[in-house]
Protein backbone atom coordinates (compact mmCIF):
# COMPACT_ATOMS: atom_id res chain seq x y z
CA MET A 1 11.90 14.87 -14.91
CA ALA A 2 8.50 15.67 -13.52
CA THR A 3 8.48 18.88 -15.56
CA ASP A 4 9.26 16.83 -18.65
CA ILE A 5 6.24 14.61 -18.09
CA ILE A 6 3.94 17.60 -17.51
CA GLU A 7 5.21 19.34 -20.62
CA LEU A 8 4.85 16.15 -22.67
CA VAL A 9 1.16 15.92 -21.82
CA ALA A 10 0.67 19.54 -22.84
CA THR A 11 2.71 19.10 -26.05
CA LEU A 12 0.49 16.16 -27.02
CA GLY A 13 -2.49 18.50 -26.67
CA TYR A 14 -4.12 17.12 -23.54
CA ARG A 15 -5.37 18.90 -20.44
CA HIS A 16 -6.12 15.78 -18.41
CA THR A 17 -4.88 12.20 -18.23
CA ALA A 18 -6.87 9.28 -16.87
CA MET A 19 -3.92 7.57 -15.19
CA LEU A 20 -0.17 8.12 -14.63
CA VAL A 21 2.07 5.10 -14.08
CA GLY A 22 5.67 5.22 -12.87
CA HIS A 23 8.06 2.29 -12.39
CA ASP A 24 11.32 2.36 -10.37
CA ILE A 25 12.80 5.88 -10.66
CA GLY A 26 9.63 6.68 -12.57
CA SER A 27 7.70 6.08 -9.35
CA PRO A 28 8.93 9.21 -7.50
CA VAL A 29 8.79 11.15 -10.79
CA ALA A 30 5.09 10.21 -11.15
CA ALA A 31 4.52 11.00 -7.44
CA TYR A 32 5.91 14.51 -7.83
CA CYS A 33 3.80 15.00 -10.99
CA ALA A 34 0.75 14.17 -8.84
CA LEU A 35 1.93 16.57 -6.06
CA ILE A 36 2.63 19.41 -8.49
CA ARG A 37 -0.33 19.07 -10.88
CA PRO A 38 -3.19 17.07 -9.32
CA ASP A 39 -5.54 18.80 -11.81
CA LEU A 40 -3.68 17.15 -14.69
CA PHE A 41 -3.56 13.54 -13.49
CA ALA A 42 -6.77 11.80 -12.40
CA SER A 43 -5.14 8.72 -10.80
CA LEU A 44 -1.71 7.43 -9.95
CA VAL A 45 0.06 4.07 -10.03
CA LEU A 46 3.48 3.62 -8.39
CA MET A 47 5.47 0.50 -9.15
CA SER A 48 8.38 -1.18 -7.30
CA ALA A 49 9.56 1.94 -5.42
CA PRO A 50 7.22 3.19 -2.65
CA PHE A 51 7.05 6.99 -2.34
CA PRO A 52 7.61 8.05 1.31
CA GLY A 53 6.74 11.71 0.67
CA PRO A 54 8.78 14.86 -0.02
CA PRO A 55 11.82 15.55 2.13
CA ALA A 56 11.58 17.85 5.10
CA PRO A 57 13.22 21.26 4.63
CA ALA A 58 16.63 21.80 6.19
CA SER A 59 16.06 23.35 9.60
CA ASN A 60 19.38 25.16 9.77
CA SER A 61 22.65 25.75 7.92
CA GLU A 62 24.26 22.73 9.53
CA ASN A 63 22.14 20.49 7.33
CA LYS A 64 23.38 22.14 4.16
CA VAL A 65 26.51 20.80 2.49
CA SER A 66 28.33 21.96 -0.56
CA ALA A 67 27.49 20.82 -4.07
CA ALA A 68 28.65 17.37 -5.21
CA GLN A 69 28.87 16.17 -1.59
CA PRO A 70 26.50 13.53 -0.14
CA THR A 71 24.03 14.36 2.57
CA LYS A 72 25.12 13.81 6.17
CA ALA A 73 22.83 10.82 6.54
CA HIS A 74 24.00 9.34 3.22
CA LYS A 75 27.64 9.87 4.13
CA THR A 76 27.14 8.30 7.57
CA LEU A 77 25.40 5.23 6.07
CA SER A 78 28.15 4.89 3.45
CA GLU A 79 30.77 5.00 6.19
CA ALA A 80 28.84 2.40 8.21
CA LEU A 81 28.59 0.06 5.24
CA ALA A 82 32.31 0.45 4.55
CA ALA A 83 33.04 -0.51 8.18
CA LEU A 84 31.29 -3.86 7.85
CA HIS A 85 33.25 -7.12 7.45
CA PRO A 86 33.57 -7.54 4.56
CA PRO A 87 33.17 -3.81 3.68
CA LYS A 88 30.10 -2.90 1.60
CA GLN A 89 28.76 -0.10 -0.53
CA HIS A 90 25.20 0.80 -1.56
CA TYR A 91 24.56 0.41 -5.30
CA GLN A 92 23.50 4.06 -5.58
CA GLN A 93 26.84 5.10 -4.12
CA TYR A 94 28.58 3.01 -6.77
CA LEU A 95 26.38 4.27 -9.60
CA SER A 96 27.07 7.87 -8.67
CA SER A 97 30.85 7.31 -9.03
CA ARG A 98 32.85 8.38 -12.02
CA ALA A 99 33.99 4.80 -12.63
CA ALA A 100 30.52 3.27 -13.02
CA ASN A 101 29.84 4.19 -16.62
CA MET A 102 33.06 2.71 -18.01
CA ASP A 103 32.81 -0.34 -15.78
CA MET A 104 29.40 -1.22 -17.20
CA TRP A 105 29.90 0.08 -20.74
CA HIS A 106 33.01 -2.04 -21.31
CA PRO A 107 32.76 -4.97 -18.84
CA PRO A 108 35.27 -7.81 -18.93
CA GLN A 109 32.62 -10.38 -19.84
CA GLY A 110 31.19 -8.25 -22.67
CA LEU A 111 28.09 -6.12 -22.66
CA GLN A 112 25.65 -8.82 -23.69
CA ALA A 113 26.77 -11.18 -20.88
CA PHE A 114 26.74 -8.34 -18.34
CA LEU A 115 23.20 -7.19 -19.22
CA ARG A 116 21.87 -10.77 -19.32
CA ALA A 117 23.23 -11.42 -15.79
CA PHE A 118 21.94 -8.05 -14.55
CA PHE A 119 18.43 -8.61 -15.87
CA HIS A 120 18.39 -12.17 -14.62
CA VAL A 121 19.56 -11.56 -11.05
CA LYS A 122 16.85 -8.92 -10.46
CA SER A 123 14.11 -11.03 -11.96
CA GLY A 124 11.77 -13.69 -10.60
CA ASP A 125 13.85 -16.29 -12.41
CA TRP A 126 16.68 -16.00 -9.86
CA SER A 127 15.96 -18.21 -6.86
CA GLY A 128 17.78 -15.85 -4.48
CA ASN A 129 15.10 -13.14 -4.62
CA ASN A 130 12.97 -13.68 -1.53
CA PRO A 131 12.23 -10.12 -0.34
CA HIS A 132 10.93 -9.20 3.08
CA PRO A 133 10.64 -5.99 5.15
CA LEU A 134 13.82 -4.72 6.78
CA THR A 135 13.74 -3.45 10.36
CA GLY A 136 15.64 -0.20 9.82
CA GLN A 137 17.95 1.95 7.80
CA THR A 138 21.16 0.58 9.30
CA ALA A 139 24.22 -0.87 7.63
CA GLU A 140 23.72 -4.23 9.29
CA GLU A 141 20.11 -4.48 8.12
CA LEU A 142 20.82 -3.23 4.59
CA ALA A 143 23.56 -5.90 4.29
CA ASN A 144 20.69 -8.42 4.07
CA LEU A 145 19.86 -7.10 0.60
CA PRO A 146 21.23 -9.01 -2.40
CA ALA A 147 24.66 -8.12 -3.73
CA TYR A 148 23.23 -6.05 -6.56
CA TYR A 149 21.78 -3.65 -3.95
CA VAL A 150 24.55 -3.76 -1.33
CA MET A 151 27.79 -4.54 -3.10
CA ASP A 152 31.23 -5.54 -1.87
CA LEU A 153 33.20 -2.33 -1.58
CA GLY A 154 35.54 -1.91 -4.53
CA LYS A 155 33.67 -4.27 -6.87
CA ALA A 156 32.14 -3.06 -10.09
CA MET A 157 28.52 -3.92 -10.94
CA SER A 158 29.76 -6.10 -13.85
CA GLU A 159 31.90 -8.10 -11.41
CA THR A 160 29.09 -8.26 -8.85
CA VAL A 161 26.51 -9.84 -11.17
CA ALA A 162 28.87 -12.04 -13.20
CA PRO A 163 28.50 -15.13 -10.91
CA PHE A 164 24.72 -15.04 -11.42
CA HIS A 165 24.71 -15.35 -15.22
CA PRO A 166 21.97 -17.86 -16.09
CA SER A 167 22.66 -21.16 -17.83
CA ALA A 168 22.18 -21.55 -21.57
CA ALA A 169 18.94 -23.47 -20.88
CA VAL A 170 17.55 -20.64 -18.73
CA VAL A 171 18.45 -18.08 -21.38
CA GLN A 172 16.79 -20.22 -24.04
CA SER A 173 13.58 -20.50 -22.01
CA CYS A 174 13.40 -16.82 -21.02
CA GLU A 175 10.29 -15.60 -22.87
CA TRP A 176 10.17 -12.18 -21.25
CA LEU A 177 13.66 -11.25 -22.56
CA THR A 178 14.76 -13.17 -25.61
CA GLU A 179 18.34 -12.90 -26.93
CA SER A 180 17.13 -10.83 -29.89
CA GLU A 181 15.34 -8.44 -27.56
CA LEU A 182 18.36 -8.21 -25.33
CA GLY A 183 20.40 -7.49 -28.44
CA VAL A 184 18.44 -4.22 -28.93
CA TYR A 185 19.64 -3.01 -25.53
CA VAL A 186 23.19 -4.17 -26.23
CA GLU A 187 23.27 -2.32 -29.54
CA GLU A 188 21.96 0.93 -28.09
CA PHE A 189 24.01 0.93 -24.90
CA SER A 190 27.11 0.03 -26.93
CA ARG A 191 26.47 3.26 -28.84
CA THR A 192 25.47 5.55 -25.95
CA GLY A 193 27.01 4.20 -22.77
CA PHE A 194 25.15 4.57 -19.44
CA GLN A 195 26.19 8.02 -18.26
CA GLY A 196 22.94 9.76 -19.23
CA ALA A 197 20.96 7.47 -16.98
CA LEU A 198 23.57 7.46 -14.24
CA GLN A 199 23.29 11.21 -13.82
CA ILE A 200 20.23 10.67 -11.62
CA TYR A 201 22.38 8.98 -8.98
CA ARG A 202 24.73 11.96 -8.89
CA VAL A 203 21.76 14.27 -8.48
CA LEU A 204 20.33 12.15 -5.65
CA ALA A 205 23.64 12.35 -3.81
CA ASP A 206 23.74 16.18 -4.04
CA PRO A 207 21.38 17.98 -1.63
CA ASP A 208 21.81 21.32 -3.41
CA LEU A 209 20.24 19.79 -6.55
CA ASN A 210 17.30 18.39 -4.49
CA ALA A 211 16.60 21.46 -2.42
CA GLU A 212 13.45 22.43 -4.40
CA LEU A 213 11.78 19.13 -3.48
CA SER A 214 11.52 20.25 0.16
CA HIS A 215 9.12 23.04 -1.02
CA PHE A 216 6.50 20.26 -1.09
CA SER A 217 7.23 19.10 2.45
CA GLY A 218 4.03 18.03 4.21
CA LYS A 219 1.99 17.96 0.99
CA THR A 220 0.17 14.69 0.32
CA ILE A 221 -0.91 12.92 -2.87
CA ASP A 222 -4.69 13.18 -2.83
CA LEU A 223 -5.45 11.27 -6.03
CA PRO A 224 -6.73 7.69 -6.14
CA SER A 225 -3.53 5.71 -5.96
CA LEU A 226 -2.31 2.14 -6.38
CA PHE A 227 1.06 0.57 -5.54
CA ILE A 228 2.22 -2.47 -7.45
CA GLY A 229 5.12 -4.59 -6.34
CA ALA A 230 6.13 -8.13 -7.17
CA GLU A 231 6.65 -11.38 -5.31
CA HIS A 232 10.39 -11.46 -6.05
CA ASP A 233 11.14 -7.72 -6.26
CA TRP A 234 13.27 -6.32 -3.44
CA GLY A 235 12.35 -2.80 -4.61
CA THR A 236 9.32 -2.75 -2.32
CA TYR A 237 11.53 -3.05 0.77
CA ALA A 238 14.89 -1.64 -0.34
CA ALA A 239 14.16 1.65 1.48
CA PRO A 240 13.11 0.52 4.99
CA GLY A 241 9.93 2.21 6.15
CA ALA A 242 9.05 3.75 2.77
CA LEU A 243 6.10 1.43 2.13
CA GLU A 244 4.43 2.27 5.46
CA LEU A 245 5.04 6.01 5.02
CA MET A 246 3.51 5.87 1.54
CA LYS A 247 0.36 4.21 2.89
CA THR A 248 -0.07 6.25 6.08
CA LYS A 249 1.38 9.76 5.31
CA ALA A 250 2.41 10.40 1.71
CA THR A 251 -1.00 9.46 0.17
CA THR A 252 -4.60 9.92 1.27
CA GLN A 253 -6.35 7.68 -1.25
CA MET A 254 -4.09 4.61 -1.51
CA LYS A 255 -6.63 2.05 -2.75
CA ASN A 256 -4.48 -1.06 -2.70
CA VAL A 257 -0.98 -2.47 -2.44
CA ALA A 258 -0.85 -5.29 -4.97
CA MET A 259 1.91 -7.85 -5.31
CA ILE A 260 2.22 -9.65 -8.63
CA ASP A 261 3.08 -13.35 -8.50
CA GLY A 262 5.96 -14.80 -10.41
CA ALA A 263 7.76 -11.57 -11.15
CA GLY A 264 10.87 -9.79 -9.98
CA HIS A 265 11.85 -6.20 -10.63
CA TRP A 266 10.96 -6.15 -14.35
CA ILE A 267 7.21 -6.44 -13.71
CA GLN A 268 5.95 -5.19 -17.03
CA GLN A 269 8.23 -7.53 -18.97
CA GLU A 270 7.91 -10.60 -16.74
CA GLN A 271 4.15 -10.57 -16.09
CA PRO A 272 2.55 -8.16 -18.57
CA HIS A 273 -0.88 -9.81 -18.50
CA GLN A 274 -1.24 -9.65 -14.69
CA LEU A 275 -0.05 -6.08 -14.72
CA GLY A 276 -2.39 -5.12 -17.55
CA GLN A 277 -5.37 -6.56 -15.70
CA LEU A 278 -4.50 -4.61 -12.58
CA LEU A 279 -4.05 -1.33 -14.47
CA LEU A 280 -7.26 -1.69 -16.44
CA SER A 281 -9.26 -2.60 -13.32
CA PHE A 282 -7.89 0.36 -11.41
CA LEU A 283 -8.56 2.68 -14.35
CA LYS A 284 -12.17 1.55 -14.65
CA GLU A 285 -12.80 1.93 -10.91
CA ASN A 286 -11.29 5.41 -10.69
CA ARG A 287 -12.00 6.99 -14.02
CA THR A 288 -13.32 10.53 -13.53
CA ALA A 289 -13.82 11.49 -17.18
CA PRO A 290 -14.48 9.68 -20.48
CA LEU A 291 -11.37 8.21 -22.08
CA ALA A 292 -10.78 10.12 -25.34
CA LEU A 293 -9.37 8.16 -28.19
CA GLY A 294 -7.97 9.34 -31.51
CA THR A 295 -6.31 12.68 -32.22
CA PRO A 296 -5.92 14.77 -29.04
CA GLU A 297 -7.59 18.16 -28.99
CA ASN A 298 -7.61 20.98 -26.44
CA GLY A 299 -9.49 19.88 -23.38
CA SER A 300 -9.48 16.15 -24.15
CA THR A 301 -8.45 13.39 -21.82
CA VAL A 302 -5.78 10.77 -22.57
């Protein structure tokens, strides 16, 4: 995915960009772009998902497992979650399963109702989102995350979020995702399903497919950087310790950690004006070359 971004910039005819912004899974993708090609990206903004740095290389053959098998740490955590009462599973474990696509593509409540509940429960509109740092990467501590992060074992995501479907009045007043806008997602996902997007979770669970990332072990992001989270977004703390590692080890020019008021996970939809102001301010403060507008040409900056 990082290669795709780098090739996209080149295909558009640019040699430099003024700023690269990545949200959620786009955050580590943007981070690796900055690690691989710091000459191409002048500044970096990571949103919702802190980047703790590249993985350490496997020290011996005992750390290597066969393809399509989870890492030892991942497997141990999954087992620990399953041993809780009631038993739990991490959402990434569920989304990497073969059943996930069909469960979400054809949910019992219908695709529109499923997506409305899913978007709502991860937003600032749901009163249950009160994120805080977790003390460690243990099953007991992760069980404090909302059900859409740490699910009841054996439950599908559609079943997990169904109880949190907003009332008709809340749906009517939702300006950041109207019913007609949601209908665009429903129409497209009805056509495509979710498997294309879900492939990333299978990749994340397979150490053989991630082995190349350890080539960057110890390398830091040395660009001016900004992290943006949100008041009601658990993404900032979902990986215990990642925020601190990002600030102290993974980056050398982290200018600020900004938390946007009144938003959950969908920051750019829920609070676009606050986000826009942060991005423009950061861009102006860290611009290293004139911003070229119009048709891109060789050597220009986007």
